[in-house]
Amino acid sequence: MLVLTLFLTVITVQFIVFMIASFPLYVLTNRISPTKKSNLLLERIDGAIPTLPITTFCNVTNDCGECRALTDESGLIESQHFPNEYSGNLSCLFTIKAPIGKNVQLKFTEFNVNQCCDFITVFDGLANPLRVGLNGYEIPAALTSPSNQLIVKFSSNNNIDSPIDALSNTSSTDLGPARWQAMYTFV
């Protein structure tokens, strides 16, 4: 019993000495202002986005999309051959990257995407979908990324010349050429 008491006393004393010696040092080295903490949090969130070069996971077809990050303060992304009709069997990827602390806002200016089999999906920079399966003929609402990146993926099937849109029973020639365009800005 005496040995156990002696052992617990030694452990307790060591713990107290450790806390007295290390706690003030911890406080002094980790003293950060609230603003600095907020910026560090944003950097961690924005920095959590995959840092692989875009060309390692960029899989675009027929020069559709960008295998590099778009970093201009604002710009346009659009379907292949815009303002003419896009080709069939496409896989397009656009990655937009704002400076840390800013977000990306995306507004479609033209939207005529075949409802049958063509889709636009918008992801935040963490590969979480923000909008899935956008298609049709009405311009979608604007959206803002929760991080400093936004990824737009466009896929079309190989049946671009279908005269009737299967879901709307509307002739595609009545709706104009299949195409889309979006404007992005950093906010």
C-alpha atoms as a PDB file:
ATOM      1  CA  MET A   1       0.000   0.000   0.000  1.00  0.00           C
ATOM      2  CA  LEU A   2       2.882   2.313   0.867  1.00  0.00           C
ATOM      3  CA  VAL A   3       4.464   1.674  -2.541  1.00  0.00           C
ATOM      4  CA  LEU A   4       1.217   2.554  -4.348  1.00  0.00           C
ATOM      5  CA  THR A   5       0.845   5.774  -2.352  1.00  0.00           C
ATOM      6  CA  LEU A   6       4.459   6.726  -3.046  1.00  0.00           C
ATOM      7  CA  PHE A   7       4.007   5.954  -6.754  1.00  0.00           C
ATOM      8  CA  LEU A   8       0.835   8.096  -7.024  1.00  0.00           C
ATOM      9  CA  THR A   9       2.542  10.950  -5.149  1.00  0.00           C
ATOM     10  CA  VAL A  10       5.506  10.920  -7.559  1.00  0.00           C
ATOM     11  CA  ILE A  11       3.195  10.887 -10.589  1.00  0.00           C
ATOM     12  CA  THR A  12       1.125  13.774  -9.179  1.00  0.00           C
ATOM     13  CA  VAL A  13       4.220  15.872  -8.444  1.00  0.00           C
ATOM     14  CA  GLN A  14       5.582  15.229 -11.947  1.00  0.00           C
ATOM     15  CA  PHE A  15       2.265  16.250 -13.477  1.00  0.00           C
ATOM     16  CA  ILE A  16       2.127  19.481 -11.427  1.00  0.00           C
ATOM     17  CA  VAL A  17       5.712  20.388 -12.351  1.00  0.00           C
ATOM     18  CA  PHE A  18       4.979  19.683 -16.008  1.00  0.00           C
ATOM     19  CA  MET A  19       1.869  21.909 -15.970  1.00  0.00           C
ATOM     20  CA  ILE A  20       3.661  24.755 -14.170  1.00  0.00           C
ATOM     21  CA  ALA A  21       6.589  24.648 -16.580  1.00  0.00           C
ATOM     22  CA  SER A  22       4.799  24.098 -19.878  1.00  0.00           C
ATOM     23  CA  PHE A  23       1.454  25.894 -19.557  1.00  0.00           C
ATOM     24  CA  PRO A  24       2.842  29.486 -19.467  1.00  0.00           C
ATOM     25  CA  LEU A  25       5.059  28.676 -22.444  1.00  0.00           C
ATOM     26  CA  TYR A  26       2.027  27.312 -24.341  1.00  0.00           C
ATOM     27  CA  VAL A  27      -0.012  30.434 -23.583  1.00  0.00           C
ATOM     28  CA  LEU A  28       2.793  32.776 -24.657  1.00  0.00           C
ATOM     29  CA  THR A  29       3.491  30.975 -27.941  1.00  0.00           C
ATOM     30  CA  ASN A  30      -0.170  30.613 -28.926  1.00  0.00           C
ATOM     31  CA  ARG A  31      -1.443  34.097 -28.161  1.00  0.00           C
ATOM     32  CA  ILE A  32      -3.290  35.085 -31.397  1.00  0.00           C
ATOM     33  CA  SER A  33      -5.749  37.906 -32.021  1.00  0.00           C
ATOM     34  CA  PRO A  34      -9.361  36.979 -32.973  1.00  0.00           C
ATOM     35  CA  THR A  35      -8.878  38.475 -36.474  1.00  0.00           C
ATOM     36  CA  LYS A  36      -5.751  36.438 -37.018  1.00  0.00           C
ATOM     37  CA  LYS A  37      -7.590  33.296 -35.811  1.00  0.00           C
ATOM     38  CA  SER A  38     -10.387  33.942 -38.324  1.00  0.00           C
ATOM     39  CA  ASN A  39      -7.898  34.371 -41.188  1.00  0.00           C
ATOM     40  CA  LEU A  40      -6.053  31.213 -40.138  1.00  0.00           C
ATOM     41  CA  LEU A  41      -9.343  29.298 -40.177  1.00  0.00           C
ATOM     42  CA  LEU A  42     -10.115  30.552 -43.702  1.00  0.00           C
ATOM     43  CA  GLU A  43      -6.636  29.548 -44.835  1.00  0.00           C
ATOM     44  CA  ARG A  44      -7.163  26.072 -43.396  1.00  0.00           C
ATOM     45  CA  ILE A  45     -10.548  25.716 -45.106  1.00  0.00           C
ATOM     46  CA  ASP A  46      -9.285  27.075 -48.426  1.00  0.00           C
ATOM     47  CA  GLY A  47      -6.052  25.140 -48.072  1.00  0.00           C
ATOM     48  CA  ALA A  48      -7.966  21.884 -47.577  1.00  0.00           C
ATOM     49  CA  ILE A  49      -8.803  21.910 -51.269  1.00  0.00           C
ATOM     50  CA  PRO A  50      -6.784  19.346 -53.205  1.00  0.00           C
ATOM     51  CA  THR A  51      -3.391  20.800 -54.021  1.00  0.00           C
ATOM     52  CA  LEU A  52      -2.597  18.397 -56.852  1.00  0.00           C
ATOM     53  CA  PRO A  53      -1.933  20.176 -60.126  1.00  0.00           C
ATOM     54  CA  ILE A  54      -5.188  20.398 -62.063  1.00  0.00           C
ATOM     55  CA  THR A  55      -3.632  18.522 -64.977  1.00  0.00           C
ATOM     56  CA  THR A  56      -3.364  15.395 -62.800  1.00  0.00           C
ATOM     57  CA  PHE A  57      -7.128  15.023 -62.496  1.00  0.00           C
ATOM     58  CA  CYS A  58      -8.331  17.117 -65.438  1.00  0.00           C
ATOM     59  CA  ASN A  59     -10.018  14.866 -67.967  1.00  0.00           C
ATOM     60  CA  VAL A  60     -11.434  17.027 -70.739  1.00  0.00           C
ATOM     61  CA  THR A  61     -12.257  16.067 -74.311  1.00  0.00           C
ATOM     62  CA  ASN A  62     -11.877  17.992 -77.552  1.00  0.00           C
ATOM     63  CA  ASP A  63     -10.358  21.120 -75.965  1.00  0.00           C
ATOM     64  CA  CYS A  64     -13.449  21.553 -73.815  1.00  0.00           C
ATOM     65  CA  GLY A  65     -12.757  23.211 -70.490  1.00  0.00           C
ATOM     66  CA  GLU A  66      -9.481  24.212 -68.913  1.00  0.00           C
ATOM     67  CA  CYS A  67      -6.747  22.032 -67.460  1.00  0.00           C
ATOM     68  CA  ARG A  68      -5.588  24.972 -65.375  1.00  0.00           C
ATOM     69  CA  ALA A  69      -7.137  27.119 -62.678  1.00  0.00           C
ATOM     70  CA  LEU A  70      -8.829  30.294 -63.837  1.00  0.00           C
ATOM     71  CA  THR A  71      -7.520  32.977 -61.485  1.00  0.00           C
ATOM     72  CA  ASP A  72      -8.624  36.243 -63.114  1.00  0.00           C
ATOM     73  CA  GLU A  73     -10.839  38.483 -60.939  1.00  0.00           C
ATOM     74  CA  SER A  74     -13.728  37.814 -63.355  1.00  0.00           C
ATOM     75  CA  GLY A  75     -14.305  36.076 -66.641  1.00  0.00           C
ATOM     76  CA  LEU A  76     -16.504  33.882 -68.793  1.00  0.00           C
ATOM     77  CA  ILE A  77     -16.737  30.137 -69.143  1.00  0.00           C
ATOM     78  CA  GLU A  78     -18.795  28.676 -71.945  1.00  0.00           C
ATOM     79  CA  SER A  79     -19.642  25.578 -73.899  1.00  0.00           C
ATOM     80  CA  GLN A  80     -17.401  24.502 -76.739  1.00  0.00           C
ATOM     81  CA  HIS A  81     -17.976  26.477 -79.994  1.00  0.00           C
ATOM     82  CA  PHE A  82     -20.075  29.136 -78.178  1.00  0.00           C
ATOM     83  CA  PRO A  83     -22.202  30.919 -79.488  1.00  0.00           C
ATOM     84  CA  ASN A  84     -22.721  27.976 -81.838  1.00  0.00           C
ATOM     85  CA  GLU A  85     -23.995  24.585 -80.732  1.00  0.00           C
ATOM     86  CA  TYR A  86     -21.683  22.436 -78.632  1.00  0.00           C
ATOM     87  CA  SER A  87     -20.515  19.037 -79.868  1.00  0.00           C
ATOM     88  CA  GLY A  88     -21.699  15.701 -78.560  1.00  0.00           C
ATOM     89  CA  ASN A  89     -19.800  13.323 -76.311  1.00  0.00           C
ATOM     90  CA  LEU A  90     -18.016  16.026 -74.281  1.00  0.00           C
ATOM     91  CA  SER A  91     -16.490  16.041 -70.826  1.00  0.00           C
ATOM     92  CA  CYS A  92     -15.564  19.592 -69.813  1.00  0.00           C
ATOM     93  CA  LEU A  93     -14.043  20.886 -66.597  1.00  0.00           C
ATOM     94  CA  PHE A  94     -13.531  24.474 -65.454  1.00  0.00           C
ATOM     95  CA  THR A  95     -11.747  25.173 -62.158  1.00  0.00           C
ATOM     96  CA  ILE A  96     -12.012  28.736 -60.859  1.00  0.00           C
ATOM     97  CA  LYS A  97      -9.737  29.717 -57.980  1.00  0.00           C
ATOM     98  CA  ALA A  98     -10.011  33.006 -56.080  1.00  0.00           C
ATOM     99  CA  PRO A  99      -7.434  34.316 -53.610  1.00  0.00           C
ATOM    100  CA  ILE A 100      -7.736  32.988 -50.055  1.00  0.00           C
ATOM    101  CA  GLY A 101     -10.481  34.831 -48.190  1.00  0.00           C
ATOM    102  CA  LYS A 102     -12.583  35.426 -51.345  1.00  0.00           C
ATOM    103  CA  ASN A 103     -15.373  33.324 -52.835  1.00  0.00           C
ATOM    104  CA  VAL A 104     -16.433  32.662 -56.410  1.00  0.00           C
ATOM    105  CA  GLN A 105     -19.831  33.800 -57.654  1.00  0.00           C
ATOM    106  CA  LEU A 106     -21.220  32.141 -60.808  1.00  0.00           C
ATOM    107  CA  LYS A 107     -24.070  33.539 -62.926  1.00  0.00           C
ATOM    108  CA  PHE A 108     -25.258  31.825 -66.085  1.00  0.00           C
ATOM    109  CA  THR A 109     -25.935  34.332 -68.883  1.00  0.00           C
ATOM    110  CA  GLU A 110     -27.146  31.805 -71.483  1.00  0.00           C
ATOM    111  CA  PHE A 111     -28.517  28.368 -70.771  1.00  0.00           C
ATOM    112  CA  ASN A 112     -29.773  25.957 -73.406  1.00  0.00           C
ATOM    113  CA  VAL A 113     -28.639  22.497 -72.273  1.00  0.00           C
ATOM    114  CA  ASN A 114     -30.407  19.447 -73.706  1.00  0.00           C
ATOM    115  CA  GLN A 115     -32.638  18.002 -70.996  1.00  0.00           C
ATOM    116  CA  CYS A 116     -32.334  14.426 -72.154  1.00  0.00           C
ATOM    117  CA  CYS A 117     -28.741  13.602 -71.553  1.00  0.00           C
ATOM    118  CA  ASP A 118     -26.511  16.666 -71.038  1.00  0.00           C
ATOM    119  CA  PHE A 119     -25.671  18.012 -67.576  1.00  0.00           C
ATOM    120  CA  ILE A 120     -23.759  20.711 -65.740  1.00  0.00           C
ATOM    121  CA  THR A 121     -22.683  20.022 -62.173  1.00  0.00           C
ATOM    122  CA  VAL A 122     -21.160  22.729 -59.979  1.00  0.00           C
ATOM    123  CA  PHE A 123     -18.885  21.718 -57.094  1.00  0.00           C
ATOM    124  CA  ASP A 124     -17.389  23.727 -54.275  1.00  0.00           C
ATOM    125  CA  GLY A 125     -13.623  23.478 -54.052  1.00  0.00           C
ATOM    126  CA  LEU A 126     -13.896  20.493 -51.712  1.00  0.00           C
ATOM    127  CA  ALA A 127     -15.597  18.268 -54.328  1.00  0.00           C
ATOM    128  CA  ASN A 128     -19.022  18.676 -52.696  1.00  0.00           C
ATOM    129  CA  PRO A 129     -21.754  19.251 -55.268  1.00  0.00           C
ATOM    130  CA  LEU A 130     -23.540  22.606 -54.997  1.00  0.00           C
ATOM    131  CA  ARG A 131     -25.830  22.049 -57.993  1.00  0.00           C
ATOM    132  CA  VAL A 132     -26.243  18.655 -59.654  1.00  0.00           C
ATOM    133  CA  GLY A 133     -27.640  17.825 -63.080  1.00  0.00           C
ATOM    134  CA  LEU A 134     -28.390  21.332 -64.307  1.00  0.00           C
ATOM    135  CA  ASN A 135     -30.024  21.211 -67.707  1.00  0.00           C
ATOM    136  CA  GLY A 136     -32.978  22.635 -69.556  1.00  0.00           C
ATOM    137  CA  TYR A 137     -33.711  26.060 -70.943  1.00  0.00           C
ATOM    138  CA  GLU A 138     -34.210  28.341 -67.930  1.00  0.00           C
ATOM    139  CA  ILE A 139     -31.213  30.214 -66.554  1.00  0.00           C
ATOM    140  CA  PRO A 140     -30.374  28.785 -63.090  1.00  0.00           C
ATOM    141  CA  ALA A 141     -30.061  31.062 -60.075  1.00  0.00           C
ATOM    142  CA  ALA A 142     -26.636  32.544 -59.338  1.00  0.00           C
ATOM    143  CA  LEU A 143     -24.553  30.738 -56.756  1.00  0.00           C
ATOM    144  CA  THR A 144     -21.556  31.532 -54.561  1.00  0.00           C
ATOM    145  CA  SER A 145     -18.938  29.015 -53.454  1.00  0.00           C
ATOM    146  CA  PRO A 146     -18.373  28.504 -49.715  1.00  0.00           C
ATOM    147  CA  SER A 147     -14.594  28.377 -50.318  1.00  0.00           C
ATOM    148  CA  ASN A 148     -12.176  30.085 -52.683  1.00  0.00           C
ATOM    149  CA  GLN A 149     -12.724  27.522 -55.458  1.00  0.00           C
ATOM    150  CA  LEU A 150     -15.531  26.479 -57.743  1.00  0.00           C
ATOM    151  CA  ILE A 151     -15.489  23.628 -60.257  1.00  0.00           C
ATOM    152  CA  VAL A 152     -17.921  23.413 -63.171  1.00  0.00           C
ATOM    153  CA  LYS A 153     -18.256  20.071 -64.972  1.00  0.00           C
ATOM    154  CA  PHE A 154     -20.197  19.748 -68.216  1.00  0.00           C
ATOM    155  CA  SER A 155     -21.038  16.435 -69.888  1.00  0.00           C
ATOM    156  CA  SER A 156     -22.894  15.882 -73.130  1.00  0.00           C
ATOM    157  CA  ASN A 157     -23.902  12.630 -74.757  1.00  0.00           C
ATOM    158  CA  ASN A 158     -23.189  11.722 -78.351  1.00  0.00           C
ATOM    159  CA  ASN A 159     -26.787  12.332 -79.462  1.00  0.00           C
ATOM    160  CA  ILE A 160     -26.596  16.131 -79.828  1.00  0.00           C
ATOM    161  CA  ASP A 161     -28.619  16.217 -83.036  1.00  0.00           C
ATOM    162  CA  SER A 162     -31.786  14.778 -81.507  1.00  0.00           C
ATOM    163  CA  PRO A 163     -34.679  16.763 -83.080  1.00  0.00           C
ATOM    164  CA  ILE A 164     -36.989  16.384 -80.078  1.00  0.00           C
ATOM    165  CA  ASP A 165     -36.049  16.912 -76.466  1.00  0.00           C
ATOM    166  CA  ALA A 166     -37.435  13.752 -74.900  1.00  0.00           C
ATOM    167  CA  LEU A 167     -38.509  15.334 -71.600  1.00  0.00           C
ATOM    168  CA  SER A 168     -40.135  18.511 -72.858  1.00  0.00           C
ATOM    169  CA  ASN A 169     -41.518  17.431 -76.270  1.00  0.00           C
ATOM    170  CA  THR A 170     -40.021  20.618 -77.656  1.00  0.00           C
ATOM    171  CA  SER A 171     -38.148  20.767 -80.901  1.00  0.00           C
ATOM    172  CA  SER A 172     -34.524  21.687 -80.194  1.00  0.00           C
ATOM    173  CA  THR A 173     -34.539  23.935 -83.266  1.00  0.00           C
ATOM    174  CA  ASP A 174     -37.298  26.039 -81.626  1.00  0.00           C
ATOM    175  CA  LEU A 175     -35.025  26.659 -78.642  1.00  0.00           C
ATOM    176  CA  GLY A 176     -31.921  27.637 -80.598  1.00  0.00           C
ATOM    177  CA  PRO A 177     -28.543  25.935 -80.532  1.00  0.00           C
ATOM    178  CA  ALA A 178     -27.519  23.890 -77.507  1.00  0.00           C
ATOM    179  CA  ARG A 179     -25.073  26.165 -75.685  1.00  0.00           C
ATOM    180  CA  TRP A 180     -24.365  27.795 -72.362  1.00  0.00           C
ATOM    181  CA  GLN A 181     -22.282  30.599 -70.929  1.00  0.00           C
ATOM    182  CA  ALA A 182     -21.560  31.743 -67.371  1.00  0.00           C
ATOM    183  CA  MET A 183     -19.805  34.737 -65.851  1.00  0.00           C
ATOM    184  CA  TYR A 184     -17.719  34.354 -62.705  1.00  0.00           C
ATOM    185  CA  THR A 185     -16.496  37.026 -60.295  1.00  0.00           C
ATOM    186  CA  PHE A 186     -14.576  36.962 -57.026  1.00  0.00           C
ATOM    187  CA  VAL A 187     -16.543  38.286 -54.059  1.00  0.00           C
END
